[in-house]
Amino acid sequence: MTDDTTLPPAALTHQDWFFCGIGGSGMLPLALILHGMGARVAGSDRSRDQGRTPEKFAWLESLGFKLFAQDGSGITSSAQVLVASAAVEDTVPEVVRAKELGCARMSRAQLLSALFNAAPQGIAVGGTSGKSTVTGMIGWILTEAGRDPTIMNGAVMKNFVADDTPFASARVGAGAAFVSEVDESDGSIALYNPAVAVL
């Protein structure tokens, strides 16, 4: 699983996912998209353990996410897939526990590209700066045009913020378009197969 970026959506939504650092700007929207597609998603975050941004984690729990202390207790089955960035150390309890159980592991880029490449119309936004703004603009235009896109952003999109979505960095739609900012800094941009590329 860790090298396949062309998985069908069903293969992704029928997995049990565990996000290490679920509240992060790159992880949160991915978790929201998978959850919105019907997948079972849980996670942990050291910021939650430290009492930072409690409103964000309370909101996630209100949506049905199961959150755990970052002590490995959330990894309970070999069927779970651990999502962790390459920067996460091998000594982090979730990583240790996942290795013990033989869980599959995916990076943020691997998971995002798998979701993106499964969409009928992927729109990738890359570049040195301005990716989040342009992604939000394209997503809003498509939404207002009735295209009902899925949007993955690394920042909160103000036009999508509402009382029930205060941290609107993602949107799950039923349309063909999947709009996402993509990061070129680590070479993972090569994983994406967009119909439209915006630089």
N, C-alpha and C. Protein backbone atom coordinates (compact mmCIF):
# COMPACT_ATOMS: atom_id res chain seq x y z
N MET A 1 0.81 -1.21 0.00
CA MET A 1 0.00 0.00 0.00
C MET A 1 0.84 1.26 0.00
N THR A 2 1.99 1.23 0.63
CA THR A 2 2.73 2.47 0.83
C THR A 2 3.26 3.09 -0.45
N ASP A 3 3.34 2.33 -1.54
CA ASP A 3 3.88 2.89 -2.77
C ASP A 3 2.81 3.09 -3.84
N ASP A 4 1.56 2.74 -3.57
CA ASP A 4 0.52 2.80 -4.59
C ASP A 4 -0.23 4.12 -4.50
N THR A 5 -0.09 4.95 -5.53
CA THR A 5 -0.80 6.23 -5.55
C THR A 5 -1.93 6.22 -6.56
N THR A 6 -2.38 5.03 -6.98
CA THR A 6 -3.49 4.92 -7.91
C THR A 6 -4.59 4.02 -7.35
N LEU A 7 -4.71 3.99 -6.05
CA LEU A 7 -5.73 3.15 -5.42
C LEU A 7 -7.12 3.71 -5.69
N PRO A 8 -8.13 2.85 -5.92
CA PRO A 8 -9.50 3.33 -6.06
C PRO A 8 -10.01 3.86 -4.74
N PRO A 9 -10.98 4.80 -4.77
CA PRO A 9 -11.49 5.37 -3.52
C PRO A 9 -11.98 4.33 -2.53
N ALA A 10 -12.60 3.26 -3.02
CA ALA A 10 -13.12 2.24 -2.10
C ALA A 10 -12.02 1.61 -1.27
N ALA A 11 -10.85 1.44 -1.87
CA ALA A 11 -9.73 0.84 -1.14
C ALA A 11 -9.25 1.76 -0.03
N LEU A 12 -9.45 3.05 -0.21
CA LEU A 12 -9.03 4.02 0.80
C LEU A 12 -10.07 4.17 1.90
N THR A 13 -11.33 4.17 1.54
CA THR A 13 -12.38 4.41 2.54
C THR A 13 -12.69 3.18 3.37
N HIS A 14 -12.26 2.00 2.94
CA HIS A 14 -12.51 0.80 3.73
C HIS A 14 -11.37 0.46 4.68
N GLN A 15 -10.40 1.34 4.76
CA GLN A 15 -9.29 1.16 5.70
C GLN A 15 -9.61 1.84 7.03
N ASP A 16 -8.95 1.40 8.08
CA ASP A 16 -8.95 2.11 9.36
C ASP A 16 -7.69 2.97 9.39
N TRP A 17 -7.86 4.27 9.54
CA TRP A 17 -6.75 5.21 9.45
C TRP A 17 -6.41 5.79 10.82
N PHE A 18 -5.11 5.97 11.04
CA PHE A 18 -4.66 6.65 12.26
C PHE A 18 -3.64 7.71 11.87
N PHE A 19 -3.97 8.96 12.20
CA PHE A 19 -3.12 10.09 11.84
C PHE A 19 -2.27 10.51 13.03
N CYS A 20 -0.97 10.48 12.85
CA CYS A 20 -0.03 10.98 13.85
C CYS A 20 0.17 12.47 13.57
N GLY A 21 -0.30 13.32 14.47
CA GLY A 21 -0.28 14.76 14.22
C GLY A 21 -1.51 15.21 13.47
N ILE A 22 -2.67 14.70 13.87
CA ILE A 22 -3.92 14.93 13.14
C ILE A 22 -4.33 16.39 13.08
N GLY A 23 -3.86 17.21 14.00
CA GLY A 23 -4.24 18.61 13.99
C GLY A 23 -3.37 19.50 13.13
N GLY A 24 -2.34 18.94 12.51
CA GLY A 24 -1.41 19.73 11.70
C GLY A 24 -2.04 20.24 10.41
N SER A 25 -1.45 21.28 9.85
CA SER A 25 -2.04 21.92 8.66
C SER A 25 -2.08 20.99 7.45
N GLY A 26 -1.17 20.03 7.38
CA GLY A 26 -1.18 19.09 6.27
C GLY A 26 -2.01 17.85 6.55
N MET A 27 -2.08 17.45 7.80
CA MET A 27 -2.80 16.22 8.18
C MET A 27 -4.30 16.45 8.36
N LEU A 28 -4.67 17.58 8.98
CA LEU A 28 -6.08 17.82 9.28
C LEU A 28 -6.98 17.74 8.05
N PRO A 29 -6.67 18.44 6.95
CA PRO A 29 -7.56 18.35 5.79
C PRO A 29 -7.64 16.95 5.20
N LEU A 30 -6.55 16.21 5.22
CA LEU A 30 -6.58 14.83 4.74
C LEU A 30 -7.50 13.98 5.59
N ALA A 31 -7.39 14.14 6.91
CA ALA A 31 -8.26 13.39 7.82
C ALA A 31 -9.72 13.76 7.59
N LEU A 32 -9.99 15.05 7.37
CA LEU A 32 -11.36 15.50 7.12
C LEU A 32 -11.92 14.91 5.83
N ILE A 33 -11.09 14.84 4.80
CA ILE A 33 -11.55 14.29 3.52
C ILE A 33 -11.86 12.81 3.65
N LEU A 34 -10.97 12.05 4.25
CA LEU A 34 -11.23 10.61 4.43
C LEU A 34 -12.48 10.39 5.27
N HIS A 35 -12.60 11.14 6.35
CA HIS A 35 -13.78 11.02 7.22
C HIS A 35 -15.05 11.37 6.44
N GLY A 36 -14.97 12.43 5.64
CA GLY A 36 -16.12 12.84 4.85
C GLY A 36 -16.50 11.83 3.78
N MET A 37 -15.54 11.01 3.37
CA MET A 37 -15.80 9.96 2.38
C MET A 37 -16.30 8.67 3.03
N GLY A 38 -16.37 8.67 4.37
CA GLY A 38 -16.92 7.52 5.07
C GLY A 38 -15.92 6.61 5.73
N ALA A 39 -14.64 6.96 5.70
CA ALA A 39 -13.62 6.12 6.32
C ALA A 39 -13.62 6.29 7.84
N ARG A 40 -13.10 5.29 8.53
CA ARG A 40 -12.92 5.37 9.98
C ARG A 40 -11.56 6.00 10.25
N VAL A 41 -11.58 7.14 10.94
CA VAL A 41 -10.35 7.91 11.15
C VAL A 41 -10.17 8.23 12.63
N ALA A 42 -8.98 7.97 13.12
CA ALA A 42 -8.60 8.32 14.49
C ALA A 42 -7.25 9.01 14.42
N GLY A 43 -6.80 9.53 15.56
CA GLY A 43 -5.50 10.17 15.53
C GLY A 43 -5.04 10.67 16.88
N SER A 44 -3.85 11.21 16.86
CA SER A 44 -3.26 11.79 18.06
C SER A 44 -2.50 13.04 17.65
N ASP A 45 -2.18 13.87 18.64
CA ASP A 45 -1.42 15.08 18.35
C ASP A 45 -0.79 15.58 19.64
N ARG A 46 0.49 15.86 19.60
CA ARG A 46 1.17 16.33 20.81
C ARG A 46 0.64 17.70 21.24
N SER A 47 0.12 18.48 20.29
CA SER A 47 -0.48 19.77 20.67
C SER A 47 -1.70 19.56 21.56
N ARG A 48 -2.47 18.53 21.25
CA ARG A 48 -3.62 18.20 22.10
C ARG A 48 -3.16 17.78 23.49
N ASP A 49 -2.12 16.97 23.53
CA ASP A 49 -1.58 16.52 24.83
C ASP A 49 -1.08 17.70 25.65
N GLN A 50 -0.60 18.73 24.97
CA GLN A 50 -0.05 19.91 25.65
C GLN A 50 -1.11 20.98 25.92
N GLY A 51 -2.36 20.70 25.55
CA GLY A 51 -3.45 21.63 25.82
C GLY A 51 -3.54 22.80 24.85
N ARG A 52 -2.88 22.70 23.71
CA ARG A 52 -2.94 23.79 22.73
C ARG A 52 -4.10 23.60 21.76
N THR A 53 -4.67 24.68 21.29
CA THR A 53 -5.83 24.72 20.38
C THR A 53 -6.90 23.69 20.76
N PRO A 54 -7.37 23.72 22.01
CA PRO A 54 -8.37 22.73 22.43
C PRO A 54 -9.65 22.79 21.61
N GLU A 55 -9.99 23.97 21.09
CA GLU A 55 -11.22 24.10 20.31
C GLU A 55 -11.14 23.29 19.02
N LYS A 56 -9.96 23.19 18.44
CA LYS A 56 -9.80 22.39 17.22
C LYS A 56 -10.06 20.92 17.50
N PHE A 57 -9.49 20.41 18.57
CA PHE A 57 -9.64 18.99 18.86
C PHE A 57 -11.04 18.66 19.37
N ALA A 58 -11.66 19.60 20.08
CA ALA A 58 -13.05 19.41 20.50
C ALA A 58 -13.95 19.34 19.28
N TRP A 59 -13.67 20.16 18.28
CA TRP A 59 -14.45 20.14 17.04
C TRP A 59 -14.29 18.80 16.33
N LEU A 60 -13.06 18.30 16.24
CA LEU A 60 -12.84 17.00 15.60
C LEU A 60 -13.61 15.90 16.32
N GLU A 61 -13.58 15.92 17.63
CA GLU A 61 -14.32 14.91 18.39
C GLU A 61 -15.82 15.04 18.17
N SER A 62 -16.31 16.27 18.01
CA SER A 62 -17.74 16.47 17.76
C SER A 62 -18.16 15.91 16.41
N LEU A 63 -17.20 15.81 15.49
CA LEU A 63 -17.47 15.23 14.17
C LEU A 63 -17.41 13.71 14.17
N GLY A 64 -16.92 13.13 15.26
CA GLY A 64 -16.85 11.68 15.37
C GLY A 64 -15.46 11.10 15.28
N PHE A 65 -14.44 11.95 15.23
CA PHE A 65 -13.07 11.44 15.24
C PHE A 65 -12.73 10.93 16.64
N LYS A 66 -12.04 9.80 16.70
CA LYS A 66 -11.54 9.29 17.97
C LYS A 66 -10.11 9.78 18.15
N LEU A 67 -9.89 10.53 19.22
CA LEU A 67 -8.58 11.09 19.48
C LEU A 67 -7.95 10.45 20.70
N PHE A 68 -6.65 10.24 20.62
CA PHE A 68 -5.92 9.56 21.68
C PHE A 68 -4.71 10.39 22.09
N ALA A 69 -4.22 10.12 23.29
CA ALA A 69 -2.94 10.69 23.69
C ALA A 69 -1.86 10.11 22.79
N GLN A 70 -0.79 10.86 22.59
CA GLN A 70 0.27 10.38 21.69
C GLN A 70 1.20 9.44 22.46
N ASP A 71 0.60 8.30 22.85
CA ASP A 71 1.34 7.31 23.64
C ASP A 71 1.27 5.91 23.05
N GLY A 72 0.73 5.82 21.83
CA GLY A 72 0.62 4.53 21.16
C GLY A 72 -0.67 3.78 21.44
N SER A 73 -1.49 4.30 22.35
CA SER A 73 -2.70 3.57 22.75
C SER A 73 -3.76 3.52 21.65
N GLY A 74 -3.66 4.40 20.67
CA GLY A 74 -4.64 4.40 19.59
C GLY A 74 -4.36 3.38 18.50
N ILE A 75 -3.18 2.80 18.49
CA ILE A 75 -2.83 1.77 17.51
C ILE A 75 -3.10 0.41 18.15
N THR A 76 -4.17 -0.23 17.70
CA THR A 76 -4.61 -1.47 18.35
C THR A 76 -4.73 -2.66 17.41
N SER A 77 -4.59 -2.43 16.10
CA SER A 77 -4.82 -3.51 15.14
C SER A 77 -3.87 -3.38 13.96
N SER A 78 -3.46 -4.52 13.43
CA SER A 78 -2.60 -4.51 12.25
C SER A 78 -3.35 -4.03 11.01
N ALA A 79 -4.68 -3.94 11.10
CA ALA A 79 -5.48 -3.47 9.97
C ALA A 79 -5.43 -1.95 9.83
N GLN A 80 -4.96 -1.27 10.85
CA GLN A 80 -4.88 0.18 10.78
C GLN A 80 -3.72 0.62 9.88
N VAL A 81 -3.92 1.75 9.21
CA VAL A 81 -2.86 2.36 8.42
C VAL A 81 -2.42 3.63 9.14
N LEU A 82 -1.14 3.70 9.43
CA LEU A 82 -0.58 4.87 10.10
C LEU A 82 -0.19 5.92 9.06
N VAL A 83 -0.71 7.12 9.24
CA VAL A 83 -0.33 8.24 8.38
C VAL A 83 0.58 9.14 9.19
N ALA A 84 1.81 9.26 8.75
CA ALA A 84 2.79 10.07 9.47
C ALA A 84 3.77 10.67 8.47
N SER A 85 4.14 11.90 8.70
CA SER A 85 5.09 12.54 7.80
C SER A 85 6.47 11.92 7.97
N ALA A 86 7.31 12.15 7.00
CA ALA A 86 8.67 11.61 7.05
C ALA A 86 9.46 12.20 8.22
N ALA A 87 9.01 13.35 8.72
CA ALA A 87 9.71 14.01 9.82
C ALA A 87 9.42 13.37 11.17
N VAL A 88 8.41 12.50 11.23
CA VAL A 88 8.06 11.86 12.50
C VAL A 88 9.12 10.81 12.83
N GLU A 89 9.70 10.94 14.02
CA GLU A 89 10.79 10.06 14.42
C GLU A 89 10.31 8.63 14.67
N ASP A 90 11.21 7.67 14.48
CA ASP A 90 10.89 6.27 14.71
C ASP A 90 10.63 5.97 16.18
N THR A 91 11.00 6.90 17.06
CA THR A 91 10.80 6.70 18.50
C THR A 91 9.43 7.17 18.98
N VAL A 92 8.65 7.82 18.12
CA VAL A 92 7.31 8.25 18.50
C VAL A 92 6.47 7.00 18.80
N PRO A 93 5.74 6.99 19.92
CA PRO A 93 5.03 5.77 20.35
C PRO A 93 4.13 5.15 19.29
N GLU A 94 3.44 5.98 18.48
CA GLU A 94 2.58 5.42 17.44
C GLU A 94 3.39 4.66 16.40
N VAL A 95 4.53 5.18 16.04
CA VAL A 95 5.38 4.52 15.06
C VAL A 95 5.91 3.21 15.62
N VAL A 96 6.34 3.24 16.86
CA VAL A 96 6.83 2.02 17.52
C VAL A 96 5.74 0.96 17.55
N ARG A 97 4.54 1.36 17.97
CA ARG A 97 3.43 0.40 18.09
C ARG A 97 3.01 -0.13 16.72
N ALA A 98 2.97 0.74 15.73
CA ALA A 98 2.59 0.31 14.38
C ALA A 98 3.58 -0.71 13.84
N LYS A 99 4.85 -0.52 14.10
CA LYS A 99 5.86 -1.49 13.67
C LYS A 99 5.68 -2.82 14.38
N GLU A 100 5.38 -2.76 15.67
CA GLU A 100 5.16 -3.99 16.44
C GLU A 100 4.01 -4.81 15.88
N LEU A 101 2.95 -4.12 15.46
CA LEU A 101 1.76 -4.81 14.96
C LEU A 101 1.82 -5.10 13.46
N GLY A 102 2.80 -4.52 12.77
CA GLY A 102 2.90 -4.72 11.33
C GLY A 102 1.94 -3.88 10.52
N CYS A 103 1.59 -2.72 11.03
CA CYS A 103 0.67 -1.82 10.33
C CYS A 103 1.34 -1.21 9.10
N ALA A 104 0.56 -1.00 8.07
CA ALA A 104 1.06 -0.26 6.91
C ALA A 104 1.25 1.20 7.31
N ARG A 105 2.16 1.88 6.64
CA ARG A 105 2.40 3.29 6.91
C ARG A 105 2.42 4.06 5.61
N MET A 106 1.78 5.20 5.59
CA MET A 106 1.79 6.08 4.43
C MET A 106 2.22 7.47 4.86
N SER A 107 2.93 8.15 3.99
CA SER A 107 3.25 9.54 4.24
C SER A 107 2.07 10.40 3.82
N ARG A 108 2.10 11.65 4.23
CA ARG A 108 1.06 12.59 3.83
C ARG A 108 0.97 12.67 2.31
N ALA A 109 2.11 12.78 1.64
CA ALA A 109 2.12 12.92 0.19
C ALA A 109 1.59 11.67 -0.50
N GLN A 110 1.92 10.50 0.01
CA GLN A 110 1.42 9.25 -0.59
C GLN A 110 -0.09 9.16 -0.49
N LEU A 111 -0.64 9.51 0.67
CA LEU A 111 -2.09 9.44 0.84
C LEU A 111 -2.79 10.49 0.00
N LEU A 112 -2.30 11.72 0.05
CA LEU A 112 -2.94 12.78 -0.73
C LEU A 112 -2.91 12.46 -2.21
N SER A 113 -1.79 11.99 -2.72
CA SER A 113 -1.70 11.68 -4.15
C SER A 113 -2.61 10.52 -4.53
N ALA A 114 -2.80 9.56 -3.62
CA ALA A 114 -3.72 8.45 -3.90
C ALA A 114 -5.15 8.96 -4.01
N LEU A 115 -5.56 9.83 -3.10
CA LEU A 115 -6.90 10.43 -3.16
C LEU A 115 -7.04 11.28 -4.42
N PHE A 116 -6.05 12.10 -4.67
CA PHE A 116 -6.06 13.01 -5.81
C PHE A 116 -6.12 12.25 -7.13
N ASN A 117 -5.28 11.25 -7.29
CA ASN A 117 -5.21 10.51 -8.55
C ASN A 117 -6.44 9.66 -8.80
N ALA A 118 -7.21 9.37 -7.75
CA ALA A 118 -8.44 8.60 -7.91
C ALA A 118 -9.59 9.46 -8.41
N ALA A 119 -9.44 10.78 -8.35
CA ALA A 119 -10.51 11.69 -8.77
C ALA A 119 -10.54 11.80 -10.29
N PRO A 120 -11.73 11.96 -10.87
CA PRO A 120 -11.82 12.08 -12.33
C PRO A 120 -11.12 13.32 -12.88
N GLN A 121 -11.10 14.41 -12.09
CA GLN A 121 -10.50 15.65 -12.58
C GLN A 121 -9.66 16.29 -11.47
N GLY A 122 -8.39 15.97 -11.45
CA GLY A 122 -7.50 16.54 -10.44
C GLY A 122 -6.95 17.88 -10.88
N ILE A 123 -7.03 18.87 -10.00
CA ILE A 123 -6.49 20.20 -10.27
C ILE A 123 -5.43 20.47 -9.21
N ALA A 124 -4.17 20.46 -9.63
CA ALA A 124 -3.05 20.60 -8.70
C ALA A 124 -2.50 22.02 -8.74
N VAL A 125 -2.29 22.59 -7.56
CA VAL A 125 -1.76 23.95 -7.45
C VAL A 125 -0.39 23.88 -6.79
N GLY A 126 0.65 24.23 -7.53
CA GLY A 126 2.01 24.21 -7.01
C GLY A 126 2.63 25.59 -7.08
N GLY A 127 3.84 25.71 -6.54
CA GLY A 127 4.54 26.98 -6.59
C GLY A 127 5.21 27.32 -5.28
N THR A 128 6.05 28.33 -5.32
CA THR A 128 6.82 28.71 -4.14
C THR A 128 5.94 29.29 -3.05
N SER A 129 5.00 30.16 -3.42
CA SER A 129 4.11 30.76 -2.43
C SER A 129 2.77 31.04 -3.09
N GLY A 130 1.74 31.19 -2.25
CA GLY A 130 0.40 31.49 -2.77
C GLY A 130 -0.44 30.27 -3.09
N LYS A 131 0.07 29.07 -2.80
CA LYS A 131 -0.68 27.85 -3.14
C LYS A 131 -2.02 27.79 -2.40
N SER A 132 -2.01 28.08 -1.12
CA SER A 132 -3.24 27.98 -0.33
C SER A 132 -4.29 28.97 -0.82
N THR A 133 -3.86 30.19 -1.13
CA THR A 133 -4.78 31.22 -1.61
C THR A 133 -5.39 30.82 -2.94
N VAL A 134 -4.56 30.38 -3.87
CA VAL A 134 -5.05 30.01 -5.20
C VAL A 134 -5.94 28.77 -5.12
N THR A 135 -5.57 27.81 -4.29
CA THR A 135 -6.40 26.61 -4.11
C THR A 135 -7.78 27.00 -3.59
N GLY A 136 -7.81 27.89 -2.60
CA GLY A 136 -9.09 28.35 -2.06
C GLY A 136 -9.91 29.09 -3.10
N MET A 137 -9.26 29.92 -3.90
CA MET A 137 -9.97 30.67 -4.95
C MET A 137 -10.59 29.73 -5.98
N ILE A 138 -9.80 28.78 -6.46
CA ILE A 138 -10.32 27.84 -7.46
C ILE A 138 -11.45 27.02 -6.86
N GLY A 139 -11.25 26.56 -5.63
CA GLY A 139 -12.29 25.78 -4.97
C GLY A 139 -13.58 26.55 -4.81
N TRP A 140 -13.47 27.82 -4.44
CA TRP A 140 -14.66 28.66 -4.25
C TRP A 140 -15.37 28.91 -5.58
N ILE A 141 -14.61 29.20 -6.62
CA ILE A 141 -15.21 29.43 -7.94
C ILE A 141 -15.96 28.19 -8.41
N LEU A 142 -15.34 27.02 -8.27
CA LEU A 142 -16.00 25.78 -8.69
C LEU A 142 -17.24 25.49 -7.85
N THR A 143 -17.16 25.79 -6.56
CA THR A 143 -18.32 25.59 -5.69
C THR A 143 -19.47 26.49 -6.10
N GLU A 144 -19.16 27.77 -6.31
CA GLU A 144 -20.20 28.73 -6.71
C GLU A 144 -20.76 28.42 -8.10
N ALA A 145 -19.95 27.75 -8.92
CA ALA A 145 -20.41 27.36 -10.26
C ALA A 145 -21.20 26.06 -10.25
N GLY A 146 -21.40 25.49 -9.06
CA GLY A 146 -22.19 24.28 -8.93
C GLY A 146 -21.45 23.00 -9.25
N ARG A 147 -20.11 23.04 -9.25
CA ARG A 147 -19.33 21.86 -9.61
C ARG A 147 -19.08 20.93 -8.42
N ASP A 148 -19.39 21.38 -7.21
CA ASP A 148 -19.30 20.56 -5.99
C ASP A 148 -17.95 19.85 -5.86
N PRO A 149 -16.85 20.60 -5.83
CA PRO A 149 -15.52 19.98 -5.80
C PRO A 149 -15.13 19.48 -4.41
N THR A 150 -14.17 18.59 -4.39
CA THR A 150 -13.45 18.27 -3.16
C THR A 150 -12.22 19.17 -3.14
N ILE A 151 -11.91 19.73 -1.97
CA ILE A 151 -10.80 20.68 -1.86
C ILE A 151 -9.90 20.27 -0.71
N MET A 152 -8.62 20.25 -0.97
CA MET A 152 -7.61 19.97 0.05
C MET A 152 -6.68 21.17 0.13
N ASN A 153 -6.65 21.82 1.28
CA ASN A 153 -5.84 23.02 1.43
C ASN A 153 -4.99 22.95 2.68
N GLY A 154 -3.87 23.64 2.66
CA GLY A 154 -3.00 23.68 3.83
C GLY A 154 -3.31 24.82 4.77
N ALA A 155 -4.39 25.54 4.50
CA ALA A 155 -4.80 26.66 5.34
C ALA A 155 -6.32 26.70 5.41
N VAL A 156 -6.83 27.36 6.42
CA VAL A 156 -8.28 27.54 6.55
C VAL A 156 -8.75 28.46 5.42
N MET A 157 -9.82 28.06 4.74
CA MET A 157 -10.39 28.84 3.64
C MET A 157 -11.55 29.66 4.18
N LYS A 158 -11.36 30.97 4.28
CA LYS A 158 -12.33 31.83 4.95
C LYS A 158 -13.73 31.76 4.34
N ASN A 159 -13.80 31.60 3.02
CA ASN A 159 -15.11 31.56 2.38
C ASN A 159 -15.92 30.32 2.77
N PHE A 160 -15.25 29.31 3.29
CA PHE A 160 -15.94 28.07 3.66
C PHE A 160 -16.15 27.94 5.17
N VAL A 161 -15.65 28.91 5.92
CA VAL A 161 -15.81 28.86 7.38
C VAL A 161 -17.27 29.10 7.75
N ALA A 162 -17.79 28.27 8.65
CA ALA A 162 -19.14 28.43 9.17
C ALA A 162 -19.12 27.97 10.62
N ASP A 163 -20.25 28.14 11.31
CA ASP A 163 -20.30 27.75 12.72
C ASP A 163 -19.94 26.28 12.91
N ASP A 164 -20.35 25.43 11.97
CA ASP A 164 -20.07 24.00 12.11
C ASP A 164 -18.78 23.58 11.41
N THR A 165 -18.10 24.51 10.74
CA THR A 165 -16.80 24.22 10.11
C THR A 165 -15.82 25.36 10.36
N PRO A 166 -15.40 25.53 11.62
CA PRO A 166 -14.50 26.65 11.94
C PRO A 166 -13.08 26.47 11.41
N PHE A 167 -12.70 25.24 11.11
CA PHE A 167 -11.35 24.97 10.60
C PHE A 167 -11.48 24.38 9.19
N ALA A 168 -12.01 25.18 8.28
CA ALA A 168 -12.37 24.71 6.94
C ALA A 168 -11.16 24.68 6.02
N SER A 169 -10.29 23.70 6.22
CA SER A 169 -9.15 23.54 5.32
C SER A 169 -9.40 22.44 4.29
N ALA A 170 -10.59 21.87 4.33
CA ALA A 170 -10.96 20.83 3.37
C ALA A 170 -12.45 20.88 3.11
N ARG A 171 -12.83 20.36 1.96
CA ARG A 171 -14.24 20.24 1.60
C ARG A 171 -14.39 18.94 0.81
N VAL A 172 -15.41 18.18 1.12
CA VAL A 172 -15.69 16.95 0.39
C VAL A 172 -16.92 17.17 -0.47
N GLY A 173 -16.76 17.05 -1.77
CA GLY A 173 -17.87 17.23 -2.69
C GLY A 173 -18.14 15.97 -3.49
N ALA A 174 -19.26 15.98 -4.20
CA ALA A 174 -19.64 14.83 -5.02
C ALA A 174 -19.27 15.01 -6.48
N GLY A 175 -18.69 16.15 -6.82
CA GLY A 175 -18.32 16.42 -8.20
C GLY A 175 -17.03 15.74 -8.62
N ALA A 176 -16.68 15.92 -9.88
CA ALA A 176 -15.50 15.25 -10.44
C ALA A 176 -14.19 15.91 -10.01
N ALA A 177 -14.24 17.19 -9.69
CA ALA A 177 -13.00 17.94 -9.44
C ALA A 177 -12.45 17.72 -8.04
N PHE A 178 -11.16 17.53 -7.96
CA PHE A 178 -10.42 17.47 -6.69
C PHE A 178 -9.33 18.53 -6.80
N VAL A 179 -9.49 19.61 -6.05
CA VAL A 179 -8.55 20.73 -6.08
C VAL A 179 -7.61 20.60 -4.89
N SER A 180 -6.32 20.62 -5.14
CA SER A 180 -5.38 20.45 -4.04
C SER A 180 -4.12 21.26 -4.25
N GLU A 181 -3.62 21.83 -3.16
CA GLU A 181 -2.28 22.37 -3.24
C GLU A 181 -1.32 21.20 -3.10
N VAL A 182 -0.23 21.26 -3.84
CA VAL A 182 0.75 20.18 -3.82
C VAL A 182 2.12 20.78 -3.53
N ASP A 183 2.89 20.07 -2.74
CA ASP A 183 4.18 20.57 -2.26
C ASP A 183 5.31 20.03 -3.12
N GLU A 184 6.11 20.94 -3.64
CA GLU A 184 7.23 20.54 -4.49
C GLU A 184 8.56 20.45 -3.75
N SER A 185 8.56 20.78 -2.46
CA SER A 185 9.83 20.93 -1.74
C SER A 185 10.59 19.62 -1.53
N ASP A 186 9.86 18.50 -1.51
CA ASP A 186 10.53 17.22 -1.23
C ASP A 186 10.50 16.25 -2.41
N GLY A 187 10.10 16.75 -3.57
CA GLY A 187 10.06 15.90 -4.76
C GLY A 187 8.79 15.09 -4.91
N SER A 188 7.90 15.13 -3.90
CA SER A 188 6.69 14.31 -3.95
C SER A 188 5.67 14.82 -4.97
N ILE A 189 5.91 16.00 -5.53
CA ILE A 189 4.99 16.53 -6.55
C ILE A 189 4.92 15.58 -7.75
N ALA A 190 5.94 14.76 -7.94
CA ALA A 190 5.97 13.81 -9.05
C ALA A 190 4.94 12.70 -8.88
N LEU A 191 4.37 12.55 -7.68
CA LEU A 191 3.38 11.50 -7.43
C LEU A 191 2.01 11.83 -8.03
N TYR A 192 1.77 13.09 -8.36
CA TYR A 192 0.44 13.53 -8.77
C TYR A 192 0.28 13.47 -10.28
N ASN A 193 -0.94 13.10 -10.71
CA ASN A 193 -1.27 13.03 -12.13
C ASN A 193 -2.45 13.94 -12.42
N PRO A 194 -2.23 15.25 -12.46
CA PRO A 194 -3.35 16.18 -12.60
C PRO A 194 -3.89 16.28 -14.02
N ALA A 195 -5.19 16.58 -14.12
CA ALA A 195 -5.76 16.96 -15.41
C ALA A 195 -5.41 18.41 -15.70
N VAL A 196 -5.31 19.20 -14.63
CA VAL A 196 -4.95 20.62 -14.74
C VAL A 196 -3.88 20.92 -13.71
N ALA A 197 -2.79 21.53 -14.14
CA ALA A 197 -1.72 21.93 -13.22
C ALA A 197 -1.62 23.45 -13.23
N VAL A 198 -1.62 24.04 -12.05
CA VAL A 198 -1.55 25.50 -11.91
C VAL A 198 -0.26 25.84 -11.17
N LEU A 199 0.55 26.70 -11.75
CA LEU A 199 1.80 27.13 -11.13
C LEU A 199 1.77 28.63 -10.89
